[in-house]
Amino acid sequence: MYYEVAVVFTEEIQTKSGIREKKVTKNYLVECYAVTAAEAKISEYLSQSQFAWEVKAVKQSKILDVIGE
């Protein structure tokens, strides 16, 4: 089962008038069997991120499988 996790990053942008915060949403696809497990995997994955972040939403994906090598 796959879950789509929306994560909001807070990035600091240098402008002429100083530093401004910009919020950017990025989506991740996580393979697991529960919403709480998806959030835990994202927390572990992003633990070394240089930007502040927070999980905005977690929802079950309609994707059945990922086909690759």
C-alpha atoms as a PDB file:
ATOM      1  CA  MET A   1       0.000   0.000   0.000  1.00  0.00           C
ATOM      2  CA  TYR A   2       1.233   3.494  -0.809  1.00  0.00           C
ATOM      3  CA  TYR A   3       0.586   6.793   0.936  1.00  0.00           C
ATOM      4  CA  GLU A   4       1.048  10.316  -0.391  1.00  0.00           C
ATOM      5  CA  VAL A   5       2.664  12.560   2.196  1.00  0.00           C
ATOM      6  CA  ALA A   6       2.615  16.340   1.735  1.00  0.00           C
ATOM      7  CA  VAL A   7       5.453  18.054   3.594  1.00  0.00           C
ATOM      8  CA  VAL A   8       5.770  21.822   4.013  1.00  0.00           C
ATOM      9  CA  PHE A   9       9.344  23.116   4.122  1.00  0.00           C
ATOM     10  CA  THR A  10      10.166  26.575   5.470  1.00  0.00           C
ATOM     11  CA  GLU A  11      13.062  27.994   3.491  1.00  0.00           C
ATOM     12  CA  GLU A  12      14.844  31.278   4.156  1.00  0.00           C
ATOM     13  CA  ILE A  13      15.250  33.418   1.039  1.00  0.00           C
ATOM     14  CA  GLN A  14      17.700  36.330   0.888  1.00  0.00           C
ATOM     15  CA  THR A  15      16.060  39.467  -0.545  1.00  0.00           C
ATOM     16  CA  LYS A  16      17.174  43.086  -0.927  1.00  0.00           C
ATOM     17  CA  SER A  17      15.267  44.026   2.222  1.00  0.00           C
ATOM     18  CA  GLY A  18      16.549  41.095   4.298  1.00  0.00           C
ATOM     19  CA  ILE A  19      15.679  37.487   4.863  1.00  0.00           C
ATOM     20  CA  ARG A  20      12.173  36.239   4.078  1.00  0.00           C
ATOM     21  CA  GLU A  21      10.611  32.866   4.856  1.00  0.00           C
ATOM     22  CA  LYS A  22       9.061  30.922   2.007  1.00  0.00           C
ATOM     23  CA  LYS A  23       6.880  27.847   2.480  1.00  0.00           C
ATOM     24  CA  VAL A  24       7.224  25.145  -0.174  1.00  0.00           C
ATOM     25  CA  THR A  25       5.089  21.990  -0.295  1.00  0.00           C
ATOM     26  CA  LYS A  26       6.698  18.798  -1.589  1.00  0.00           C
ATOM     27  CA  ASN A  27       4.972  15.438  -2.022  1.00  0.00           C
ATOM     28  CA  TYR A  28       6.445  12.038  -1.201  1.00  0.00           C
ATOM     29  CA  LEU A  29       5.176   8.548  -2.010  1.00  0.00           C
ATOM     30  CA  VAL A  30       5.727   6.142   0.886  1.00  0.00           C
ATOM     31  CA  GLU A  31       5.211   2.384   0.866  1.00  0.00           C
ATOM     32  CA  CYS A  32       3.782   1.110   4.154  1.00  0.00           C
ATOM     33  CA  TYR A  33       0.571  -0.230   5.696  1.00  0.00           C
ATOM     34  CA  ALA A  34      -0.651   2.619   7.933  1.00  0.00           C
ATOM     35  CA  VAL A  35      -0.842   6.404   8.030  1.00  0.00           C
ATOM     36  CA  THR A  36       1.221   6.562  11.214  1.00  0.00           C
ATOM     37  CA  ALA A  37       3.919   4.382   9.643  1.00  0.00           C
ATOM     38  CA  ALA A  38       4.070   6.699   6.617  1.00  0.00           C
ATOM     39  CA  GLU A  39       4.543   9.716   8.887  1.00  0.00           C
ATOM     40  CA  ALA A  40       7.238   7.891  10.871  1.00  0.00           C
ATOM     41  CA  LYS A  41       9.120   6.957   7.672  1.00  0.00           C
ATOM     42  CA  ILE A  42       9.025  10.564   6.449  1.00  0.00           C
ATOM     43  CA  SER A  43      10.266  11.788   9.830  1.00  0.00           C
ATOM     44  CA  GLU A  44      13.208   9.405   9.649  1.00  0.00           C
ATOM     45  CA  TYR A  45      13.906  10.272   5.995  1.00  0.00           C
ATOM     46  CA  LEU A  46      13.915  14.027   6.642  1.00  0.00           C
ATOM     47  CA  SER A  47      15.655  13.941  10.021  1.00  0.00           C
ATOM     48  CA  GLN A  48      18.848  15.432   8.535  1.00  0.00           C
ATOM     49  CA  SER A  49      17.080  18.129   6.476  1.00  0.00           C
ATOM     50  CA  GLN A  50      18.642  21.573   6.625  1.00  0.00           C
ATOM     51  CA  PHE A  51      15.201  23.210   6.466  1.00  0.00           C
ATOM     52  CA  ALA A  52      12.415  23.259   9.022  1.00  0.00           C
ATOM     53  CA  TRP A  53       9.525  21.045   7.876  1.00  0.00           C
ATOM     54  CA  GLU A  54       6.169  19.683   8.944  1.00  0.00           C
ATOM     55  CA  VAL A  55       3.824  17.029   7.628  1.00  0.00           C
ATOM     56  CA  LYS A  56       0.789  18.768   6.149  1.00  0.00           C
ATOM     57  CA  ALA A  57      -1.262  15.751   5.033  1.00  0.00           C
ATOM     58  CA  VAL A  58      -1.124  11.986   4.620  1.00  0.00           C
ATOM     59  CA  LYS A  59      -3.568  10.135   2.395  1.00  0.00           C
ATOM     60  CA  GLN A  60      -3.806   6.719   0.846  1.00  0.00           C
ATOM     61  CA  SER A  61      -2.620   6.728  -2.756  1.00  0.00           C
ATOM     62  CA  LYS A  62      -4.517   5.201  -5.655  1.00  0.00           C
ATOM     63  CA  ILE A  63      -1.199   3.938  -7.033  1.00  0.00           C
ATOM     64  CA  LEU A  64      -1.213   0.148  -7.023  1.00  0.00           C
ATOM     65  CA  ASP A  65       2.458  -0.555  -7.643  1.00  0.00           C
ATOM     66  CA  VAL A  66       5.734   1.004  -8.756  1.00  0.00           C
ATOM     67  CA  ILE A  67       7.376  -0.854 -11.603  1.00  0.00           C
ATOM     68  CA  GLY A  68      11.111  -0.496 -11.985  1.00  0.00           C
ATOM     69  CA  GLU A  69      14.318  -2.459 -12.022  1.00  0.00           C
END
